[in-house]
């Protein structure tokens, strides 16, 4: 009733508005934990391990409140 998974990720974030010319890219891995509850698999934890990044992190903005 428990599982773990790992996947590789390459992502690209593109700016908007006054940051439209900016990009931010990463290479890394997601490490996830899962648990089966009432016959459904639910993610219980996610960790992203970045291995490399390129560009301007300000593209991401301030984040959630």
Foldseek 3Di string as FASTA:
>chain_A
DKDKDKDWDWDKFAADDPRRVWMKIWTWMKIWIWDADPNDIDTDDIDTDTDDMDIDPCSVPDDDD
